[in-house]
Amino acid sequence: MLMNIEDGSYYEMAGIGSVIWHMLESPRSEAEIVDAVVATYRVDRAQCADDVRAFLEKLVASHVVIEQSEATGAPLPTAE
């Protein structure tokens, strides 16, 4: 369970979402996340990449994570 302290929204993370959230404890690129999920769950890479991208976009849009710029040399995205 996560809470956005800015607006009081609550988010429940279960299944793969929870796995991805825990992976964001340290900065990782989207590709690293996809690689780890595909290796662990034996899912179709293209579908996994689409699903991970959509999930990360929701987290960024909800201000639950901050997407760091590749220009700074930091991987994308990271948990706040």
PDB file of N, CA and C in Angstrom:
ATOM      1  N   MET A   1       0.846  -1.165   0.000  1.00  0.00           N
ATOM      2  CA  MET A   1       0.000   0.000   0.000  1.00  0.00           C
ATOM      3  C   MET A   1       0.896   1.234   0.000  1.00  0.00           C
ATOM      4  N   LEU A   2       0.599   2.151  -0.895  1.00  0.00           N
ATOM      5  CA  LEU A   2       1.335   3.412  -0.984  1.00  0.00           C
ATOM      6  C   LEU A   2       0.365   4.561  -0.806  1.00  0.00           C
ATOM      7  N   MET A   3       0.893   5.664  -0.328  1.00  0.00           N
ATOM      8  CA  MET A   3       0.074   6.865  -0.213  1.00  0.00           C
ATOM      9  C   MET A   3       0.831   8.044  -0.800  1.00  0.00           C
ATOM     10  N   ASN A   4       0.160   8.790  -1.625  1.00  0.00           N
ATOM     11  CA  ASN A   4       0.708  10.033  -2.149  1.00  0.00           C
ATOM     12  C   ASN A   4       0.367  11.114  -1.137  1.00  0.00           C
ATOM     13  N   ILE A   5       1.369  11.614  -0.427  1.00  0.00           N
ATOM     14  CA  ILE A   5       1.101  12.588   0.633  1.00  0.00           C
ATOM     15  C   ILE A   5       0.661  13.951   0.091  1.00  0.00           C
ATOM     16  N   GLU A   6       0.906  14.204  -1.187  1.00  0.00           N
ATOM     17  CA  GLU A   6       0.484  15.474  -1.773  1.00  0.00           C
ATOM     18  C   GLU A   6      -1.030  15.558  -1.910  1.00  0.00           C
ATOM     19  N   ASP A   7      -1.669  14.453  -2.329  1.00  0.00           N
ATOM     20  CA  ASP A   7      -3.116  14.503  -2.545  1.00  0.00           C
ATOM     21  C   ASP A   7      -3.901  13.469  -1.737  1.00  0.00           C
ATOM     22  N   GLY A   8      -3.205  12.666  -0.936  1.00  0.00           N
ATOM     23  CA  GLY A   8      -3.889  11.693  -0.078  1.00  0.00           C
ATOM     24  C   GLY A   8      -4.358  10.441  -0.797  1.00  0.00           C
ATOM     25  N   SER A   9      -3.960  10.257  -2.042  1.00  0.00           N
ATOM     26  CA  SER A   9      -4.368   9.069  -2.792  1.00  0.00           C
ATOM     27  C   SER A   9      -3.648   7.832  -2.273  1.00  0.00           C
ATOM     28  N   TYR A  10      -4.372   6.728  -2.245  1.00  0.00           N
ATOM     29  CA  TYR A  10      -3.793   5.448  -1.842  1.00  0.00           C
ATOM     30  C   TYR A  10      -3.679   4.543  -3.051  1.00  0.00           C
ATOM     31  N   TYR A  11      -2.619   3.741  -3.087  1.00  0.00           N
ATOM     32  CA  TYR A  11      -2.387   2.804  -4.181  1.00  0.00           C
ATOM     33  C   TYR A  11      -2.028   1.455  -3.579  1.00  0.00           C
ATOM     34  N   GLU A  12      -2.676   0.426  -4.084  1.00  0.00           N
ATOM     35  CA  GLU A  12      -2.342  -0.923  -3.643  1.00  0.00           C
ATOM     36  C   GLU A  12      -1.497  -1.582  -4.727  1.00  0.00           C
ATOM     37  N   MET A  13      -0.355  -2.090  -4.329  1.00  0.00           N
ATOM     38  CA  MET A  13       0.540  -2.768  -5.266  1.00  0.00           C
ATOM     39  C   MET A  13       0.477  -4.265  -4.977  1.00  0.00           C
ATOM     40  N   ALA A  14       0.136  -5.026  -5.997  1.00  0.00           N
ATOM     41  CA  ALA A  14       0.084  -6.477  -5.847  1.00  0.00           C
ATOM     42  C   ALA A  14       0.710  -7.113  -7.084  1.00  0.00           C
ATOM     43  N   GLY A  15       1.083  -8.367  -6.964  1.00  0.00           N
ATOM     44  CA  GLY A  15       1.620  -9.110  -8.101  1.00  0.00           C
ATOM     45  C   GLY A  15       2.863  -8.468  -8.683  1.00  0.00           C
ATOM     46  N   ILE A  16       2.886  -8.354  -9.999  1.00  0.00           N
ATOM     47  CA  ILE A  16       4.039  -7.797 -10.699  1.00  0.00           C
ATOM     48  C   ILE A  16       4.264  -6.338 -10.313  1.00  0.00           C
ATOM     49  N   GLY A  17       3.195  -5.597 -10.056  1.00  0.00           N
ATOM     50  CA  GLY A  17       3.331  -4.211  -9.633  1.00  0.00           C
ATOM     51  C   GLY A  17       4.172  -4.091  -8.376  1.00  0.00           C
ATOM     52  N   SER A  18       3.959  -5.003  -7.452  1.00  0.00           N
ATOM     53  CA  SER A  18       4.743  -5.020  -6.219  1.00  0.00           C
ATOM     54  C   SER A  18       6.213  -5.342  -6.506  1.00  0.00           C
ATOM     55  N   VAL A  19       6.444  -6.273  -7.417  1.00  0.00           N
ATOM     56  CA  VAL A  19       7.814  -6.636  -7.800  1.00  0.00           C
ATOM     57  C   VAL A  19       8.519  -5.433  -8.409  1.00  0.00           C
ATOM     58  N   ILE A  20       7.835  -4.751  -9.312  1.00  0.00           N
ATOM     59  CA  ILE A  20       8.419  -3.575  -9.961  1.00  0.00           C
ATOM     60  C   ILE A  20       8.691  -2.487  -8.924  1.00  0.00           C
ATOM     61  N   TRP A  21       7.747  -2.265  -8.025  1.00  0.00           N
ATOM     62  CA  TRP A  21       7.930  -1.244  -6.997  1.00  0.00           C
ATOM     63  C   TRP A  21       9.192  -1.516  -6.181  1.00  0.00           C
ATOM     64  N   HIS A  22       9.380  -2.757  -5.767  1.00  0.00           N
ATOM     65  CA  HIS A  22      10.565  -3.105  -4.978  1.00  0.00           C
ATOM     66  C   HIS A  22      11.850  -2.951  -5.796  1.00  0.00           C
ATOM     67  N   MET A  23      11.766  -3.179  -7.096  1.00  0.00           N
ATOM     68  CA  MET A  23      12.941  -2.981  -7.944  1.00  0.00           C
ATOM     69  C   MET A  23      13.340  -1.508  -8.004  1.00  0.00           C
ATOM     70  N   LEU A  24      12.380  -0.622  -7.790  1.00  0.00           N
ATOM     71  CA  LEU A  24      12.642   0.819  -7.861  1.00  0.00           C
ATOM     72  C   LEU A  24      13.270   1.372  -6.585  1.00  0.00           C
ATOM     73  N   GLU A  25      13.535   0.498  -5.616  1.00  0.00           N
ATOM     74  CA  GLU A  25      14.202   0.961  -4.402  1.00  0.00           C
ATOM     75  C   GLU A  25      15.591   1.517  -4.710  1.00  0.00           C
ATOM     76  N   SER A  26      16.173   1.031  -5.790  1.00  0.00           N
ATOM     77  CA  SER A  26      17.408   1.629  -6.292  1.00  0.00           C
ATOM     78  C   SER A  26      17.159   1.966  -7.760  1.00  0.00           C
ATOM     79  N   PRO A  27      17.792   3.030  -8.262  1.00  0.00           N
ATOM     80  CA  PRO A  27      17.531   3.448  -9.639  1.00  0.00           C
ATOM     81  C   PRO A  27      17.779   2.324 -10.649  1.00  0.00           C
ATOM     82  N   ARG A  28      16.830   2.111 -11.518  1.00  0.00           N
ATOM     83  CA  ARG A  28      16.930   1.110 -12.579  1.00  0.00           C
ATOM     84  C   ARG A  28      16.302   1.679 -13.841  1.00  0.00           C
ATOM     85  N   SER A  29      16.827   1.247 -14.946  1.00  0.00           N
ATOM     86  CA  SER A  29      16.237   1.661 -16.220  1.00  0.00           C
ATOM     87  C   SER A  29      15.003   0.804 -16.489  1.00  0.00           C
ATOM     88  N   GLU A  30      14.172   1.296 -17.362  1.00  0.00           N
ATOM     89  CA  GLU A  30      12.989   0.543 -17.763  1.00  0.00           C
ATOM     90  C   GLU A  30      13.404  -0.796 -18.366  1.00  0.00           C
ATOM     91  N   ALA A  31      14.460  -0.806 -19.161  1.00  0.00           N
ATOM     92  CA  ALA A  31      14.938  -2.043 -19.793  1.00  0.00           C
ATOM     93  C   ALA A  31      15.387  -3.051 -18.741  1.00  0.00           C
ATOM     94  N   GLU A  32      16.034  -2.589 -17.683  1.00  0.00           N
ATOM     95  CA  GLU A  32      16.459  -3.498 -16.606  1.00  0.00           C
ATOM     96  C   GLU A  32      15.253  -4.132 -15.922  1.00  0.00           C
ATOM     97  N   ILE A  33      14.211  -3.347 -15.730  1.00  0.00           N
ATOM     98  CA  ILE A  33      12.998  -3.872 -15.110  1.00  0.00           C
ATOM     99  C   ILE A  33      12.368  -4.918 -16.014  1.00  0.00           C
ATOM    100  N   VAL A  34      12.245  -4.608 -17.291  1.00  0.00           N
ATOM    101  CA  VAL A  34      11.667  -5.562 -18.248  1.00  0.00           C
ATOM    102  C   VAL A  34      12.490  -6.853 -18.269  1.00  0.00           C
ATOM    103  N   ASP A  35      13.798  -6.736 -18.333  1.00  0.00           N
ATOM    104  CA  ASP A  35      14.665  -7.922 -18.337  1.00  0.00           C
ATOM    105  C   ASP A  35      14.416  -8.798 -17.115  1.00  0.00           C
ATOM    106  N   ALA A  36      14.319  -8.178 -15.942  1.00  0.00           N
ATOM    107  CA  ALA A  36      14.115  -8.937 -14.708  1.00  0.00           C
ATOM    108  C   ALA A  36      12.757  -9.617 -14.675  1.00  0.00           C
ATOM    109  N   VAL A  37      11.729  -8.926 -15.121  1.00  0.00           N
ATOM    110  CA  VAL A  37      10.385  -9.518 -15.126  1.00  0.00           C
ATOM    111  C   VAL A  37      10.319 -10.669 -16.116  1.00  0.00           C
ATOM    112  N   VAL A  38      10.871 -10.483 -17.303  1.00  0.00           N
ATOM    113  CA  VAL A  38      10.862 -11.545 -18.322  1.00  0.00           C
ATOM    114  C   VAL A  38      11.633 -12.772 -17.828  1.00  0.00           C
ATOM    115  N   ALA A  39      12.764 -12.553 -17.196  1.00  0.00           N
ATOM    116  CA  ALA A  39      13.572 -13.673 -16.695  1.00  0.00           C
ATOM    117  C   ALA A  39      12.874 -14.424 -15.567  1.00  0.00           C
ATOM    118  N   THR A  40      12.154 -13.709 -14.747  1.00  0.00           N
ATOM    119  CA  THR A  40      11.509 -14.324 -13.591  1.00  0.00           C
ATOM    120  C   THR A  40      10.179 -14.981 -13.939  1.00  0.00           C
ATOM    121  N   TYR A  41       9.388 -14.333 -14.779  1.00  0.00           N
ATOM    122  CA  TYR A  41       8.021 -14.790 -15.028  1.00  0.00           C
ATOM    123  C   TYR A  41       7.783 -15.415 -16.387  1.00  0.00           C
ATOM    124  N   ARG A  42       8.792 -15.458 -17.226  1.00  0.00           N
ATOM    125  CA  ARG A  42       8.672 -16.085 -18.544  1.00  0.00           C
ATOM    126  C   ARG A  42       7.447 -15.576 -19.309  1.00  0.00           C
ATOM    127  N   VAL A  43       7.389 -14.275 -19.468  1.00  0.00           N
ATOM    128  CA  VAL A  43       6.312 -13.636 -20.219  1.00  0.00           C
ATOM    129  C   VAL A  43       6.862 -13.125 -21.540  1.00  0.00           C
ATOM    130  N   ASP A  44       5.980 -12.826 -22.451  1.00  0.00           N
ATOM    131  CA  ASP A  44       6.367 -12.277 -23.743  1.00  0.00           C
ATOM    132  C   ASP A  44       7.037 -10.914 -23.546  1.00  0.00           C
ATOM    133  N   ARG A  45       8.238 -10.749 -24.094  1.00  0.00           N
ATOM    134  CA  ARG A  45       9.011  -9.519 -23.886  1.00  0.00           C
ATOM    135  C   ARG A  45       8.265  -8.280 -24.375  1.00  0.00           C
ATOM    136  N   ALA A  46       7.671  -8.327 -25.548  1.00  0.00           N
ATOM    137  CA  ALA A  46       6.988  -7.147 -26.095  1.00  0.00           C
ATOM    138  C   ALA A  46       5.808  -6.748 -25.213  1.00  0.00           C
ATOM    139  N   GLN A  47       5.021  -7.724 -24.793  1.00  0.00           N
ATOM    140  CA  GLN A  47       3.881  -7.436 -23.922  1.00  0.00           C
ATOM    141  C   GLN A  47       4.355  -6.918 -22.573  1.00  0.00           C
ATOM    142  N   CYS A  48       5.404  -7.517 -22.050  1.00  0.00           N
ATOM    143  CA  CYS A  48       5.977  -7.087 -20.774  1.00  0.00           C
ATOM    144  C   CYS A  48       6.459  -5.639 -20.870  1.00  0.00           C
ATOM    145  N   ALA A  49       7.163  -5.312 -21.932  1.00  0.00           N
ATOM    146  CA  ALA A  49       7.671  -3.944 -22.112  1.00  0.00           C
ATOM    147  C   ALA A  49       6.516  -2.940 -22.155  1.00  0.00           C
ATOM    148  N   ASP A  50       5.436  -3.289 -22.865  1.00  0.00           N
ATOM    149  CA  ASP A  50       4.262  -2.409 -22.926  1.00  0.00           C
ATOM    150  C   ASP A  50       3.639  -2.240 -21.544  1.00  0.00           C
ATOM    151  N   ASP A  51       3.497  -3.353 -20.821  1.00  0.00           N
ATOM    152  CA  ASP A  51       2.867  -3.318 -19.496  1.00  0.00           C
ATOM    153  C   ASP A  51       3.721  -2.560 -18.487  1.00  0.00           C
ATOM    154  N   VAL A  52       5.027  -2.777 -18.511  1.00  0.00           N
ATOM    155  CA  VAL A  52       5.926  -2.069 -17.596  1.00  0.00           C
ATOM    156  C   VAL A  52       5.886  -0.573 -17.899  1.00  0.00           C
ATOM    157  N   ARG A  53       5.950  -0.207 -19.164  1.00  0.00           N
ATOM    158  CA  ARG A  53       5.890   1.210 -19.557  1.00  0.00           C
ATOM    159  C   ARG A  53       4.594   1.842 -19.043  1.00  0.00           C
ATOM    160  N   ALA A  54       3.462   1.180 -19.242  1.00  0.00           N
ATOM    161  CA  ALA A  54       2.171   1.718 -18.796  1.00  0.00           C
ATOM    162  C   ALA A  54       2.143   1.874 -17.273  1.00  0.00           C
ATOM    163  N   PHE A  55       2.661   0.889 -16.555  1.00  0.00           N
ATOM    164  CA  PHE A  55       2.690   0.939 -15.099  1.00  0.00           C
ATOM    165  C   PHE A  55       3.574   2.092 -14.619  1.00  0.00           C
ATOM    166  N   LEU A  56       4.758   2.224 -15.195  1.00  0.00           N
ATOM    167  CA  LEU A  56       5.663   3.297 -14.801  1.00  0.00           C
ATOM    168  C   LEU A  56       5.079   4.669 -15.134  1.00  0.00           C
ATOM    169  N   GLU A  57       4.405   4.780 -16.264  1.00  0.00           N
ATOM    170  CA  GLU A  57       3.775   6.049 -16.634  1.00  0.00           C
ATOM    171  C   GLU A  57       2.703   6.437 -15.618  1.00  0.00           C
ATOM    172  N   LYS A  58       1.945   5.444 -15.125  1.00  0.00           N
ATOM    173  CA  LYS A  58       0.932   5.725 -14.099  1.00  0.00           C
ATOM    174  C   LYS A  58       1.586   6.198 -12.805  1.00  0.00           C
ATOM    175  N   LEU A  59       2.689   5.559 -12.436  1.00  0.00           N
ATOM    176  CA  LEU A  59       3.394   5.964 -11.217  1.00  0.00           C
ATOM    177  C   LEU A  59       3.924   7.387 -11.339  1.00  0.00           C
ATOM    178  N   VAL A  60       4.477   7.724 -12.498  1.00  0.00           N
ATOM    179  CA  VAL A  60       5.001   9.071 -12.719  1.00  0.00           C
ATOM    180  C   VAL A  60       3.852  10.083 -12.733  1.00  0.00           C
ATOM    181  N   ALA A  61       2.773   9.770 -13.439  1.00  0.00           N
ATOM    182  CA  ALA A  61       1.628  10.681 -13.523  1.00  0.00           C
ATOM    183  C   ALA A  61       0.989  10.913 -12.152  1.00  0.00           C
ATOM    184  N   SER A  62       1.049   9.911 -11.293  1.00  0.00           N
ATOM    185  CA  SER A  62       0.486  10.016  -9.944  1.00  0.00           C
ATOM    186  C   SER A  62       1.459  10.639  -8.959  1.00  0.00           C
ATOM    187  N   HIS A  63       2.650  10.985  -9.435  1.00  0.00           N
ATOM    188  CA  HIS A  63       3.704  11.580  -8.602  1.00  0.00           C
ATOM    189  C   HIS A  63       4.165  10.639  -7.497  1.00  0.00           C
ATOM    190  N   VAL A  64       4.105   9.350  -7.772  1.00  0.00           N
ATOM    191  CA  VAL A  64       4.570   8.339  -6.823  1.00  0.00           C
ATOM    192  C   VAL A  64       6.046   8.057  -7.060  1.00  0.00           C
ATOM    193  N   VAL A  65       6.501   8.221  -8.300  1.00  0.00           N
ATOM    194  CA  VAL A  65       7.923   8.117  -8.641  1.00  0.00           C
ATOM    195  C   VAL A  65       8.307   9.330  -9.469  1.00  0.00           C
ATOM    196  N   ILE A  66       9.584   9.594  -9.493  1.00  0.00           N
ATOM    197  CA  ILE A  66      10.126  10.686 -10.294  1.00  0.00           C
ATOM    198  C   ILE A  66      10.992  10.076 -11.386  1.00  0.00           C
ATOM    199  N   GLU A  67      10.723  10.467 -12.615  1.00  0.00           N
ATOM    200  CA  GLU A  67      11.531   9.993 -13.734  1.00  0.00           C
ATOM    201  C   GLU A  67      12.759  10.874 -13.840  1.00  0.00           C
ATOM    202  N   GLN A  68      13.922  10.241 -13.702  1.00  0.00           N
ATOM    203  CA  GLN A  68      15.165  10.992 -13.787  1.00  0.00           C
ATOM    204  C   GLN A  68      15.625  11.075 -15.230  1.00  0.00           C
ATOM    205  N   SER A  69      16.201  12.191 -15.580  1.00  0.00           N
ATOM    206  CA  SER A  69      16.646  12.440 -16.942  1.00  0.00           C
ATOM    207  C   SER A  69      17.873  11.611 -17.282  1.00  0.00           C
ATOM    208  N   GLU A  70      17.859  11.045 -18.472  1.00  0.00           N
ATOM    209  CA  GLU A  70      19.028  10.321 -18.943  1.00  0.00           C
ATOM    210  C   GLU A  70      20.215  11.263 -19.111  1.00  0.00           C
ATOM    211  N   ALA A  71      19.933  12.551 -19.297  1.00  0.00           N
ATOM    212  CA  ALA A  71      21.003  13.527 -19.465  1.00  0.00           C
ATOM    213  C   ALA A  71      21.887  13.618 -18.224  1.00  0.00           C
ATOM    214  N   THR A  72      21.323  13.309 -17.068  1.00  0.00           N
ATOM    215  CA  THR A  72      22.105  13.376 -15.836  1.00  0.00           C
ATOM    216  C   THR A  72      22.899  12.101 -15.625  1.00  0.00           C
ATOM    217  N   GLY A  73      22.673  11.123 -16.489  1.00  0.00           N
ATOM    218  CA  GLY A  73      23.357   9.854 -16.357  1.00  0.00           C
ATOM    219  C   GLY A  73      22.672   8.888 -15.400  1.00  0.00           C
ATOM    220  N   ALA A  74      21.558   9.312 -14.840  1.00  0.00           N
ATOM    221  CA  ALA A  74      20.834   8.464 -13.898  1.00  0.00           C
ATOM    222  C   ALA A  74      19.839   7.580 -14.637  1.00  0.00           C
ATOM    223  N   PRO A  75      19.683   6.349 -14.205  1.00  0.00           N
ATOM    224  CA  PRO A  75      18.694   5.473 -14.817  1.00  0.00           C
ATOM    225  C   PRO A  75      17.276   5.997 -14.590  1.00  0.00           C
ATOM    226  N   LEU A  76      16.339   5.477 -15.345  1.00  0.00           N
ATOM    227  CA  LEU A  76      14.938   5.855 -15.249  1.00  0.00           C
ATOM    228  C   LEU A  76      14.131   4.708 -14.681  1.00  0.00           C
ATOM    229  N   PRO A  77      13.038   4.920 -14.064  1.00  0.00           N
ATOM    230  CA  PRO A  77      12.720   5.972 -13.109  1.00  0.00           C
ATOM    231  C   PRO A  77      13.163   5.536 -11.729  1.00  0.00           C
ATOM    232  N   THR A  78      12.894   6.322 -10.706  1.00  0.00           N
ATOM    233  CA  THR A  78      13.214   5.930  -9.338  1.00  0.00           C
ATOM    234  C   THR A  78      12.054   6.276  -8.424  1.00  0.00           C
ATOM    235  N   ALA A  79      11.929   5.535  -7.376  1.00  0.00           N
ATOM    236  CA  ALA A  79      10.896   5.830  -6.391  1.00  0.00           C
ATOM    237  C   ALA A  79      11.275   7.074  -5.625  1.00  0.00           C
ATOM    238  N   GLU A  80      10.282   7.823  -5.192  1.00  0.00           N
ATOM    239  CA  GLU A  80      10.543   9.033  -4.404  1.00  0.00           C
ATOM    240  C   GLU A  80      11.019   8.645  -3.033  1.00  0.00           C
TER     241      GLU A  80
END
